[in-house]
Structure formats: C-alpha cells, structure tokens
C-alpha cells in the first residue's frame, strides 16, 4: 500500500526525532541554513513537528499552501527538513486567518505580514511565510495556490500543499544546490 502524504510526513517527523535525539543545539537557526544541506542541519530540526501548526491553519480557515521540503516529503522525498514554509495569497482576509493560526500554535508575537516573506516560529515549527509578491527567480507562483493538492488527516483537518509540478518549478527557479537536488528527486518520483 502506498503511504498517504500525511503518513509520509508523520514518518519523516519520526525519523527527524530519531536522527536528532542525541544532537545538541548549536545556535544555528533555520535562517542560517546553507544552500547544500538545508534546515535539517540547523536547530530547527530539533523537536520539529509541523502538525500542531498545520491543524491550527485548518482551524483558523487559512488557505496557506505548504511548500518547500515539507511539501516534497508529502510527495515522497526522503530528505528531512527542519522548517515548514508556506505560500499564501497576501490578502487581508488570509492575513487575519494566518495570524489566528499563528496564535493558536503558540506564536506570542505574530510577524508583520505586510512583507512578501517573513519568518515565523510556533511550537514545533518555524519557517517562512511567503506570498506570490516574493521574487521567485522570475516564476509567477500565484496559480500554485489554486492548484494545491489536499490531504485529509483522519483526525479531521485538511492540509493544502503544492502540486508536484509547481513544487519542481519552484525548486528550479530558486536554483540553490539543494533545490536542484530535490527537484531531481521529485522528477524521479514521477516515473
């Protein structure tokens, strides 16, 4: 039986916990990640569990779409990560929903969402909140919001994540070594 997207993510969270169990904090934040290994080599991987925030997004009515390596994992990538990046439309209504989700998930001071990219931290996860206004290497990611794939959790919430083709295009547009490697892996999953 092929694992579902959320089963893959739960397995990755468990593998992350096992792999980092004896790792000590270094002070390297996800923002300090290099372009080769990524956030798994930072303290963001310690205690990484995006599920409370994913549930809060659903609860708050946010239409944010999971992107980055968490979306890659949901499509079948085996590389682990230490952050949860999201794409959202930048509208005032969705800003309110996103702020509510951040508070529900333990963010004491939600970031200013008037920028195309902002960092956030909640219990169990941190990452970037991005809008289509962010420079995506010349790629217009707006349609990625409507083409998102849905995964339903048995506990009653839905996670929206980037469609495989959109995720590969985003990876290629960003162009870092880790993005090309991960895009290559995702393209192999198609066959």
N, C-alpha and C. Protein backbone atom coordinates (compact mmCIF):
# COMPACT_ATOMS: atom_id res chain seq x y z
N UNK A 1 0.83 -1.18 0.00
CA UNK A 1 0.00 0.00 0.00
C UNK A 1 0.89 1.26 0.00
N UNK A 2 0.60 2.18 -0.87
CA UNK A 2 1.35 3.43 -0.96
C UNK A 2 0.96 4.33 0.20
N UNK A 3 1.94 4.86 0.94
CA UNK A 3 1.60 5.74 2.06
C UNK A 3 0.98 7.05 1.56
N UNK A 4 0.09 7.57 2.35
CA UNK A 4 -0.52 8.86 2.02
C UNK A 4 0.47 9.98 2.31
N UNK A 5 0.15 11.16 1.80
CA UNK A 5 1.02 12.32 2.00
C UNK A 5 1.26 12.60 3.48
N UNK A 6 0.20 12.54 4.28
CA UNK A 6 0.36 12.84 5.71
C UNK A 6 1.04 11.70 6.45
N UNK A 7 0.88 10.47 5.98
CA UNK A 7 1.63 9.36 6.57
C UNK A 7 3.12 9.55 6.31
N UNK A 8 3.47 9.94 5.09
CA UNK A 8 4.88 10.21 4.76
C UNK A 8 5.44 11.30 5.68
N UNK A 9 4.64 12.35 5.90
CA UNK A 9 5.10 13.44 6.74
C UNK A 9 5.26 12.98 8.19
N UNK A 10 4.32 12.20 8.69
CA UNK A 10 4.45 11.69 10.06
C UNK A 10 5.69 10.81 10.19
N UNK A 11 5.96 9.99 9.19
CA UNK A 11 7.16 9.14 9.22
C UNK A 11 8.42 9.99 9.20
N UNK A 12 8.42 11.06 8.42
CA UNK A 12 9.58 11.95 8.37
C UNK A 12 9.79 12.66 9.70
N UNK A 13 8.71 13.08 10.34
CA UNK A 13 8.82 13.71 11.66
C UNK A 13 9.42 12.72 12.65
N UNK A 14 8.99 11.48 12.61
CA UNK A 14 9.55 10.44 13.49
C UNK A 14 11.03 10.20 13.19
N UNK A 15 11.39 10.13 11.92
CA UNK A 15 12.80 9.94 11.54
C UNK A 15 13.64 11.13 11.99
N UNK A 16 13.09 12.32 11.88
CA UNK A 16 13.80 13.52 12.33
C UNK A 16 14.05 13.45 13.83
N UNK A 17 13.03 13.05 14.57
CA UNK A 17 13.18 12.92 16.02
C UNK A 17 14.25 11.89 16.37
N UNK A 18 14.21 10.75 15.72
CA UNK A 18 15.20 9.70 15.98
C UNK A 18 16.61 10.16 15.63
N UNK A 19 16.75 10.79 14.48
CA UNK A 19 18.06 11.21 13.99
C UNK A 19 18.67 12.32 14.82
N UNK A 20 17.84 13.18 15.38
CA UNK A 20 18.36 14.34 16.14
C UNK A 20 18.33 14.11 17.65
N UNK A 21 17.90 12.94 18.08
CA UNK A 21 17.73 12.67 19.52
C UNK A 21 18.98 13.03 20.33
N UNK A 22 20.16 12.71 19.84
CA UNK A 22 21.39 12.95 20.58
C UNK A 22 22.13 14.21 20.12
N UNK A 23 21.52 14.97 19.24
CA UNK A 23 22.14 16.20 18.73
C UNK A 23 21.95 17.32 19.75
N UNK A 24 22.99 18.07 19.99
CA UNK A 24 22.87 19.22 20.88
C UNK A 24 22.66 20.48 20.06
N UNK A 25 21.99 21.43 20.65
CA UNK A 25 21.71 22.69 19.97
C UNK A 25 23.02 23.42 19.69
N UNK A 26 23.09 24.02 18.53
CA UNK A 26 24.30 24.74 18.11
C UNK A 26 24.08 26.25 18.03
N UNK A 27 22.82 26.67 18.09
CA UNK A 27 22.51 28.08 17.92
C UNK A 27 22.24 28.45 16.47
N UNK A 28 22.38 27.47 15.56
CA UNK A 28 22.09 27.74 14.13
C UNK A 28 20.59 27.67 13.91
N UNK A 29 20.02 28.80 13.51
CA UNK A 29 18.58 28.87 13.24
C UNK A 29 18.30 28.46 11.80
N UNK A 30 17.06 28.13 11.47
CA UNK A 30 16.75 27.79 10.08
C UNK A 30 17.18 28.87 9.09
N UNK A 31 17.15 30.15 9.50
CA UNK A 31 17.59 31.23 8.63
C UNK A 31 19.08 31.14 8.31
N UNK A 32 19.82 30.36 9.14
CA UNK A 32 21.26 30.20 8.95
C UNK A 32 21.60 28.98 8.11
N UNK A 33 20.60 28.33 7.55
CA UNK A 33 20.83 27.11 6.77
C UNK A 33 21.68 27.40 5.55
N UNK A 34 22.49 26.42 5.19
CA UNK A 34 23.30 26.58 3.98
C UNK A 34 22.50 26.13 2.75
N UNK A 35 23.05 26.41 1.58
CA UNK A 35 22.35 26.09 0.34
C UNK A 35 22.53 24.65 -0.11
N UNK A 36 23.30 23.88 0.65
CA UNK A 36 23.53 22.49 0.27
C UNK A 36 22.71 21.52 1.12
N UNK A 37 22.87 21.59 2.43
CA UNK A 37 22.17 20.65 3.32
C UNK A 37 20.77 21.14 3.66
N UNK A 38 20.65 22.42 3.95
CA UNK A 38 19.35 22.96 4.31
C UNK A 38 19.11 22.99 5.80
N UNK A 39 17.85 23.16 6.18
CA UNK A 39 17.50 23.40 7.58
C UNK A 39 17.61 22.17 8.47
N UNK A 40 17.72 20.99 7.88
CA UNK A 40 17.88 19.80 8.72
C UNK A 40 19.16 19.88 9.55
N UNK A 41 20.16 20.60 9.08
CA UNK A 41 21.42 20.75 9.81
C UNK A 41 21.38 21.86 10.85
N UNK A 42 20.23 22.51 11.01
CA UNK A 42 20.11 23.59 11.99
C UNK A 42 19.31 23.11 13.20
N UNK A 43 19.20 24.00 14.19
CA UNK A 43 18.41 23.67 15.38
C UNK A 43 16.92 23.56 15.08
N UNK A 44 16.50 23.99 13.91
CA UNK A 44 15.09 23.86 13.53
C UNK A 44 14.63 22.41 13.48
N UNK A 45 15.57 21.50 13.25
CA UNK A 45 15.22 20.08 13.20
C UNK A 45 14.97 19.49 14.60
N UNK A 46 15.48 20.16 15.63
CA UNK A 46 15.31 19.66 17.00
C UNK A 46 13.86 19.91 17.44
N UNK A 47 13.12 18.85 17.69
CA UNK A 47 11.72 18.98 18.11
C UNK A 47 10.78 19.36 16.98
N UNK A 48 11.22 19.20 15.74
CA UNK A 48 10.39 19.59 14.59
C UNK A 48 9.12 18.75 14.51
N UNK A 49 8.00 19.44 14.59
CA UNK A 49 6.69 18.79 14.45
C UNK A 49 5.71 19.81 13.89
N UNK A 50 5.47 19.79 12.58
CA UNK A 50 4.61 20.79 11.97
C UNK A 50 3.12 20.54 12.18
N UNK A 51 2.74 19.38 12.71
CA UNK A 51 1.32 19.04 12.78
C UNK A 51 0.47 19.98 13.62
N UNK A 52 0.91 20.45 14.79
CA UNK A 52 0.07 21.41 15.52
C UNK A 52 -0.23 22.68 14.71
N UNK A 53 0.77 23.18 13.98
CA UNK A 53 0.53 24.38 13.18
C UNK A 53 -0.34 24.07 11.97
N UNK A 54 -0.14 22.92 11.34
CA UNK A 54 -0.99 22.54 10.21
C UNK A 54 -2.45 22.43 10.65
N UNK A 55 -2.66 21.88 11.83
CA UNK A 55 -4.02 21.79 12.37
C UNK A 55 -4.57 23.19 12.65
N UNK A 56 -3.74 24.06 13.21
CA UNK A 56 -4.18 25.43 13.52
C UNK A 56 -4.53 26.20 12.24
N UNK A 57 -3.79 25.98 11.17
CA UNK A 57 -4.11 26.63 9.89
C UNK A 57 -5.51 26.25 9.43
N UNK A 58 -5.82 24.97 9.52
CA UNK A 58 -7.15 24.49 9.14
C UNK A 58 -8.21 25.11 10.05
N UNK A 59 -7.94 25.06 11.33
CA UNK A 59 -8.89 25.58 12.33
C UNK A 59 -9.19 27.06 12.10
N UNK A 60 -8.19 27.83 11.70
CA UNK A 60 -8.35 29.27 11.50
C UNK A 60 -8.91 29.62 10.12
N UNK A 61 -9.08 28.63 9.27
CA UNK A 61 -9.60 28.89 7.93
C UNK A 61 -8.56 29.45 6.97
N UNK A 62 -7.29 29.21 7.26
CA UNK A 62 -6.22 29.68 6.37
C UNK A 62 -6.16 28.80 5.13
N UNK A 63 -5.91 29.44 3.99
CA UNK A 63 -5.74 28.72 2.73
C UNK A 63 -4.27 28.61 2.35
N UNK A 64 -3.39 28.80 3.32
CA UNK A 64 -1.95 28.72 3.06
C UNK A 64 -1.61 27.34 2.52
N UNK A 65 -0.62 27.31 1.64
CA UNK A 65 -0.19 26.09 0.97
C UNK A 65 1.22 25.74 1.44
N UNK A 66 1.40 24.50 1.86
CA UNK A 66 2.72 24.02 2.25
C UNK A 66 3.60 23.94 1.01
N UNK A 67 4.80 24.52 1.11
CA UNK A 67 5.78 24.47 0.02
C UNK A 67 7.09 23.95 0.60
N UNK A 68 8.15 24.05 -0.13
CA UNK A 68 9.46 23.66 0.38
C UNK A 68 9.56 22.17 0.61
N UNK A 69 10.48 21.79 1.49
CA UNK A 69 10.78 20.38 1.66
C UNK A 69 9.65 19.61 2.34
N UNK A 70 8.83 20.25 3.16
CA UNK A 70 7.70 19.52 3.74
C UNK A 70 6.76 19.08 2.62
N UNK A 71 6.51 19.95 1.65
CA UNK A 71 5.70 19.54 0.50
C UNK A 71 6.41 18.42 -0.26
N UNK A 72 7.73 18.54 -0.40
CA UNK A 72 8.49 17.48 -1.07
C UNK A 72 8.32 16.14 -0.37
N UNK A 73 8.39 16.15 0.95
CA UNK A 73 8.20 14.93 1.73
C UNK A 73 6.80 14.37 1.49
N UNK A 74 5.82 15.25 1.45
CA UNK A 74 4.44 14.79 1.23
C UNK A 74 4.28 14.13 -0.14
N UNK A 75 5.13 14.51 -1.08
CA UNK A 75 5.12 13.89 -2.41
C UNK A 75 6.01 12.64 -2.48
N UNK A 76 6.80 12.39 -1.44
CA UNK A 76 7.62 11.19 -1.42
C UNK A 76 9.11 11.40 -1.27
N UNK A 77 9.58 12.63 -1.14
CA UNK A 77 11.00 12.88 -0.93
C UNK A 77 11.45 12.25 0.38
N UNK A 78 12.68 11.78 0.41
CA UNK A 78 13.20 11.15 1.63
C UNK A 78 14.10 12.08 2.42
N UNK A 79 14.43 13.26 1.87
CA UNK A 79 15.27 14.20 2.61
C UNK A 79 14.48 14.84 3.74
N UNK A 80 15.10 14.92 4.89
CA UNK A 80 14.44 15.52 6.06
C UNK A 80 14.66 17.03 6.06
N UNK A 81 13.88 17.71 6.88
CA UNK A 81 13.95 19.16 6.96
C UNK A 81 13.78 19.62 8.40
N UNK A 82 13.98 20.89 8.61
CA UNK A 82 13.80 21.48 9.93
C UNK A 82 12.95 22.72 9.90
N UNK A 83 12.19 22.90 8.81
CA UNK A 83 11.30 24.05 8.75
C UNK A 83 10.07 23.76 7.91
N UNK A 84 9.06 24.59 8.10
CA UNK A 84 7.79 24.48 7.38
C UNK A 84 7.55 25.82 6.69
N UNK A 85 7.67 25.82 5.37
CA UNK A 85 7.45 27.04 4.60
C UNK A 85 6.05 27.01 3.99
N UNK A 86 5.43 28.18 3.94
CA UNK A 86 4.06 28.29 3.44
C UNK A 86 3.95 29.40 2.42
N UNK A 87 3.08 29.19 1.44
CA UNK A 87 2.73 30.20 0.44
C UNK A 87 1.29 30.60 0.72
N UNK A 88 1.04 31.91 0.78
CA UNK A 88 -0.33 32.39 0.99
C UNK A 88 -0.55 33.58 0.08
N UNK A 89 -1.79 33.97 -0.12
CA UNK A 89 -2.12 34.95 -1.16
C UNK A 89 -1.87 36.41 -0.80
N UNK A 90 -1.60 36.74 0.45
CA UNK A 90 -1.29 38.11 0.85
C UNK A 90 -2.51 39.01 1.06
N UNK A 91 -3.71 38.46 0.98
CA UNK A 91 -4.91 39.28 1.16
C UNK A 91 -5.16 39.55 2.65
N UNK A 92 -5.88 40.63 2.97
CA UNK A 92 -6.18 40.92 4.37
C UNK A 92 -6.95 39.79 5.07
N UNK A 93 -7.90 39.18 4.37
CA UNK A 93 -8.67 38.10 5.00
C UNK A 93 -7.77 36.93 5.36
N UNK A 94 -6.86 36.57 4.46
CA UNK A 94 -5.96 35.47 4.75
C UNK A 94 -4.88 35.86 5.76
N UNK A 95 -4.53 37.13 5.82
CA UNK A 95 -3.59 37.59 6.85
C UNK A 95 -4.22 37.40 8.23
N UNK A 96 -5.52 37.72 8.35
CA UNK A 96 -6.21 37.51 9.63
C UNK A 96 -6.22 36.03 10.00
N UNK A 97 -6.54 35.17 9.04
CA UNK A 97 -6.57 33.73 9.31
C UNK A 97 -5.19 33.21 9.69
N UNK A 98 -4.17 33.69 9.01
CA UNK A 98 -2.81 33.26 9.30
C UNK A 98 -2.37 33.72 10.68
N UNK A 99 -2.69 34.97 11.04
CA UNK A 99 -2.38 35.47 12.40
C UNK A 99 -3.07 34.62 13.45
N UNK A 100 -4.34 34.30 13.23
CA UNK A 100 -5.07 33.46 14.18
C UNK A 100 -4.41 32.10 14.32
N UNK A 101 -4.02 31.49 13.22
CA UNK A 101 -3.36 30.18 13.27
C UNK A 101 -2.03 30.28 14.03
N UNK A 102 -1.29 31.34 13.79
CA UNK A 102 -0.02 31.52 14.50
C UNK A 102 -0.24 31.59 16.01
N UNK A 103 -1.24 32.34 16.42
CA UNK A 103 -1.53 32.46 17.86
C UNK A 103 -1.98 31.12 18.43
N UNK A 104 -2.87 30.43 17.73
CA UNK A 104 -3.33 29.12 18.19
C UNK A 104 -2.14 28.18 18.39
N UNK A 105 -1.15 28.27 17.49
CA UNK A 105 0.01 27.36 17.53
C UNK A 105 1.13 27.85 18.44
N UNK A 106 0.89 28.92 19.19
CA UNK A 106 1.86 29.32 20.21
C UNK A 106 2.79 30.44 19.84
N UNK A 107 2.49 31.20 18.81
CA UNK A 107 3.33 32.34 18.43
C UNK A 107 2.91 33.53 19.29
N UNK A 108 3.80 33.95 20.18
CA UNK A 108 3.47 35.05 21.09
C UNK A 108 3.37 36.39 20.36
N UNK A 109 4.23 36.60 19.38
CA UNK A 109 4.23 37.85 18.62
C UNK A 109 4.23 37.53 17.13
N UNK A 110 3.04 37.45 16.53
CA UNK A 110 2.99 37.16 15.08
C UNK A 110 3.77 38.20 14.28
N UNK A 111 4.45 37.76 13.22
CA UNK A 111 5.23 38.69 12.41
C UNK A 111 4.34 39.63 11.61
N UNK A 112 4.94 40.70 11.14
CA UNK A 112 4.27 41.67 10.27
C UNK A 112 4.08 41.00 8.90
N UNK A 113 2.84 40.76 8.54
CA UNK A 113 2.54 40.04 7.30
C UNK A 113 2.42 40.97 6.09
N UNK A 114 2.89 42.20 6.22
CA UNK A 114 2.84 43.14 5.10
C UNK A 114 4.06 43.03 4.19
N UNK A 115 4.83 41.98 4.33
CA UNK A 115 6.03 41.78 3.52
C UNK A 115 5.87 40.49 2.71
N UNK A 116 6.53 40.38 1.56
CA UNK A 116 6.36 39.17 0.74
C UNK A 116 6.95 37.90 1.36
N UNK A 117 7.84 38.07 2.33
CA UNK A 117 8.43 36.92 3.02
C UNK A 117 8.76 37.33 4.45
N UNK A 118 8.25 36.56 5.40
CA UNK A 118 8.58 36.79 6.81
C UNK A 118 8.83 35.45 7.49
N UNK A 119 9.72 35.49 8.45
CA UNK A 119 9.99 34.30 9.25
C UNK A 119 8.97 34.23 10.38
N UNK A 120 8.67 33.02 10.82
CA UNK A 120 7.77 32.82 11.96
C UNK A 120 8.30 31.67 12.81
N UNK A 121 7.81 31.60 14.04
CA UNK A 121 8.15 30.50 14.94
C UNK A 121 6.92 30.18 15.77
N UNK A 122 6.52 28.92 15.77
CA UNK A 122 5.44 28.43 16.62
C UNK A 122 5.97 27.21 17.35
N UNK A 123 5.19 26.67 18.25
CA UNK A 123 5.60 25.46 18.93
C UNK A 123 5.76 24.34 17.92
N UNK A 124 6.95 23.77 17.83
CA UNK A 124 7.21 22.64 16.96
C UNK A 124 7.68 22.96 15.56
N UNK A 125 7.58 24.21 15.14
CA UNK A 125 7.98 24.53 13.76
C UNK A 125 8.27 26.02 13.59
N UNK A 126 9.04 26.29 12.61
CA UNK A 126 9.30 27.65 12.17
C UNK A 126 9.56 27.59 10.69
N UNK A 127 9.64 28.73 10.07
CA UNK A 127 9.91 28.76 8.64
C UNK A 127 9.58 30.12 8.07
N UNK A 128 9.24 30.12 6.79
CA UNK A 128 8.93 31.35 6.08
C UNK A 128 7.49 31.34 5.61
N UNK A 129 6.85 32.50 5.71
CA UNK A 129 5.52 32.74 5.17
C UNK A 129 5.72 33.62 3.94
N UNK A 130 5.41 33.09 2.78
CA UNK A 130 5.72 33.76 1.52
C UNK A 130 4.44 34.06 0.74
N UNK A 131 4.47 35.15 0.00
CA UNK A 131 3.37 35.48 -0.90
C UNK A 131 3.90 35.44 -2.34
N UNK A 132 3.00 35.45 -3.32
CA UNK A 132 3.45 35.48 -4.71
C UNK A 132 4.25 36.74 -5.06
N UNK A 133 4.18 37.79 -4.22
CA UNK A 133 4.94 39.01 -4.48
C UNK A 133 6.45 38.82 -4.27
N UNK A 134 6.84 37.74 -3.61
CA UNK A 134 8.25 37.44 -3.42
C UNK A 134 8.89 37.13 -4.77
N UNK A 135 10.11 37.57 -4.96
CA UNK A 135 10.82 37.24 -6.21
C UNK A 135 11.14 35.75 -6.21
N UNK A 136 10.54 35.03 -7.11
CA UNK A 136 10.72 33.57 -7.22
C UNK A 136 11.58 33.23 -8.42
N UNK A 137 12.65 33.97 -8.64
CA UNK A 137 13.51 33.71 -9.78
C UNK A 137 12.78 33.89 -11.10
N UNK A 138 11.86 34.84 -11.14
CA UNK A 138 11.11 35.09 -12.36
C UNK A 138 9.87 34.24 -12.54
N UNK A 139 9.61 33.33 -11.62
CA UNK A 139 8.46 32.44 -11.70
C UNK A 139 7.26 33.09 -11.01
N UNK A 140 6.11 33.07 -11.67
CA UNK A 140 4.87 33.54 -11.05
C UNK A 140 4.22 32.34 -10.36
N UNK A 141 4.17 32.36 -9.04
CA UNK A 141 3.65 31.22 -8.27
C UNK A 141 2.18 31.38 -7.89
N UNK A 142 1.54 32.42 -8.35
CA UNK A 142 0.15 32.70 -7.96
C UNK A 142 -0.77 31.51 -8.21
N UNK A 143 -0.67 30.89 -9.37
CA UNK A 143 -1.55 29.77 -9.71
C UNK A 143 -1.30 28.55 -8.84
N UNK A 144 -0.15 28.49 -8.20
CA UNK A 144 0.15 27.37 -7.30
C UNK A 144 -0.84 27.30 -6.14
N UNK A 145 -1.39 28.46 -5.78
CA UNK A 145 -2.37 28.50 -4.69
C UNK A 145 -3.65 27.76 -5.06
N UNK A 146 -4.08 27.89 -6.31
CA UNK A 146 -5.33 27.24 -6.73
C UNK A 146 -5.11 25.80 -7.17
N UNK A 147 -3.88 25.48 -7.55
CA UNK A 147 -3.58 24.10 -7.99
C UNK A 147 -3.13 23.20 -6.84
N UNK A 148 -3.14 23.73 -5.62
CA UNK A 148 -2.66 22.96 -4.47
C UNK A 148 -3.42 21.64 -4.33
N UNK A 149 -2.71 20.66 -3.81
CA UNK A 149 -3.26 19.34 -3.53
C UNK A 149 -3.77 19.35 -2.09
N UNK A 150 -4.80 18.56 -1.81
CA UNK A 150 -5.36 18.48 -0.45
C UNK A 150 -5.09 17.10 0.14
N UNK A 151 -4.72 17.08 1.40
CA UNK A 151 -4.57 15.83 2.14
C UNK A 151 -5.42 15.93 3.39
N UNK A 152 -6.28 14.96 3.59
CA UNK A 152 -7.17 14.95 4.76
C UNK A 152 -6.60 14.06 5.85
N UNK A 153 -6.47 14.62 7.03
CA UNK A 153 -5.99 13.86 8.18
C UNK A 153 -7.18 13.16 8.83
N UNK A 154 -7.01 11.90 9.25
CA UNK A 154 -8.12 11.19 9.89
C UNK A 154 -8.68 11.88 11.13
N UNK A 155 -7.87 12.74 11.76
CA UNK A 155 -8.35 13.44 12.95
C UNK A 155 -9.23 14.63 12.63
N UNK A 156 -9.43 14.92 11.32
CA UNK A 156 -10.41 15.93 10.95
C UNK A 156 -9.89 17.25 10.44
N UNK A 157 -8.66 17.31 9.95
CA UNK A 157 -8.21 18.56 9.34
C UNK A 157 -7.59 18.28 7.97
N UNK A 158 -7.53 19.33 7.16
CA UNK A 158 -7.02 19.22 5.80
C UNK A 158 -5.76 20.06 5.66
N UNK A 159 -4.79 19.52 4.95
CA UNK A 159 -3.55 20.23 4.66
C UNK A 159 -3.49 20.47 3.16
N UNK A 160 -3.22 21.70 2.78
CA UNK A 160 -3.03 22.05 1.37
C UNK A 160 -1.54 22.12 1.12
N UNK A 161 -1.07 21.45 0.04
CA UNK A 161 0.35 21.50 -0.28
C UNK A 161 0.54 21.63 -1.78
N UNK A 162 1.68 22.17 -2.17
CA UNK A 162 1.96 22.46 -3.57
C UNK A 162 1.89 21.20 -4.42
N UNK A 163 1.27 21.32 -5.58
CA UNK A 163 1.24 20.23 -6.54
C UNK A 163 2.68 19.93 -6.99
N UNK A 164 2.92 18.69 -7.36
CA UNK A 164 4.27 18.24 -7.69
C UNK A 164 4.92 19.10 -8.77
N UNK A 165 4.22 19.38 -9.87
CA UNK A 165 4.82 20.18 -10.95
C UNK A 165 5.15 21.59 -10.47
N UNK A 166 4.28 22.18 -9.66
CA UNK A 166 4.54 23.52 -9.13
C UNK A 166 5.76 23.50 -8.21
N UNK A 167 5.85 22.48 -7.38
CA UNK A 167 6.98 22.39 -6.45
C UNK A 167 8.29 22.24 -7.21
N UNK A 168 8.31 21.42 -8.24
CA UNK A 168 9.52 21.27 -9.05
C UNK A 168 9.89 22.60 -9.70
N UNK A 169 8.92 23.33 -10.25
CA UNK A 169 9.20 24.63 -10.85
C UNK A 169 9.76 25.61 -9.81
N UNK A 170 9.18 25.61 -8.61
CA UNK A 170 9.69 26.49 -7.55
C UNK A 170 11.14 26.15 -7.23
N UNK A 171 11.42 24.86 -7.11
CA UNK A 171 12.79 24.42 -6.80
C UNK A 171 13.76 24.89 -7.88
N UNK A 172 13.40 24.67 -9.13
CA UNK A 172 14.27 25.06 -10.25
C UNK A 172 14.47 26.58 -10.27
N UNK A 173 13.42 27.34 -10.00
CA UNK A 173 13.51 28.80 -10.02
C UNK A 173 14.43 29.31 -8.92
N UNK A 174 14.39 28.68 -7.75
CA UNK A 174 15.25 29.13 -6.65
C UNK A 174 16.71 28.80 -6.94
N UNK A 175 16.97 27.64 -7.52
CA UNK A 175 18.27 27.33 -8.08
C UNK A 175 19.42 27.02 -7.16
N UNK A 176 19.21 26.89 -5.88
CA UNK A 176 20.31 26.53 -4.98
C UNK A 176 20.64 25.05 -5.18
N UNK A 177 21.85 24.61 -4.79
CA UNK A 177 22.19 23.19 -4.96
C UNK A 177 21.16 22.24 -4.35
N UNK A 178 20.68 22.54 -3.14
CA UNK A 178 19.69 21.66 -2.52
C UNK A 178 18.39 21.65 -3.30
N UNK A 179 18.02 22.78 -3.92
CA UNK A 179 16.78 22.84 -4.70
C UNK A 179 16.89 22.01 -5.96
N UNK A 180 18.02 22.07 -6.64
CA UNK A 180 18.20 21.24 -7.84
C UNK A 180 18.19 19.75 -7.48
N UNK A 181 18.90 19.40 -6.40
CA UNK A 181 18.94 18.00 -5.97
C UNK A 181 17.54 17.50 -5.63
N UNK A 182 16.78 18.32 -4.91
CA UNK A 182 15.43 17.92 -4.51
C UNK A 182 14.48 17.91 -5.70
N UNK A 183 14.65 18.83 -6.63
CA UNK A 183 13.83 18.81 -7.86
C UNK A 183 14.11 17.56 -8.66
N UNK A 184 15.38 17.18 -8.76
CA UNK A 184 15.74 15.94 -9.47
C UNK A 184 15.06 14.74 -8.81
N UNK A 185 15.09 14.69 -7.48
CA UNK A 185 14.45 13.59 -6.76
C UNK A 185 12.95 13.56 -7.04
N UNK A 186 12.31 14.73 -7.00
CA UNK A 186 10.86 14.79 -7.25
C UNK A 186 10.53 14.36 -8.68
N UNK A 187 11.37 14.74 -9.63
CA UNK A 187 11.11 14.32 -11.01
C UNK A 187 11.25 12.81 -11.16
N UNK A 188 12.16 12.20 -10.43
CA UNK A 188 12.29 10.73 -10.47
C UNK A 188 11.06 10.05 -9.87
N UNK A 189 10.38 10.71 -8.95
CA UNK A 189 9.18 10.13 -8.33
C UNK A 189 8.03 10.02 -9.33
N UNK A 190 8.08 10.81 -10.39
CA UNK A 190 7.02 10.76 -11.40
C UNK A 190 7.01 9.44 -12.17
N UNK A 191 8.18 8.82 -12.28
CA UNK A 191 8.26 7.61 -13.11
C UNK A 191 7.96 6.35 -12.34
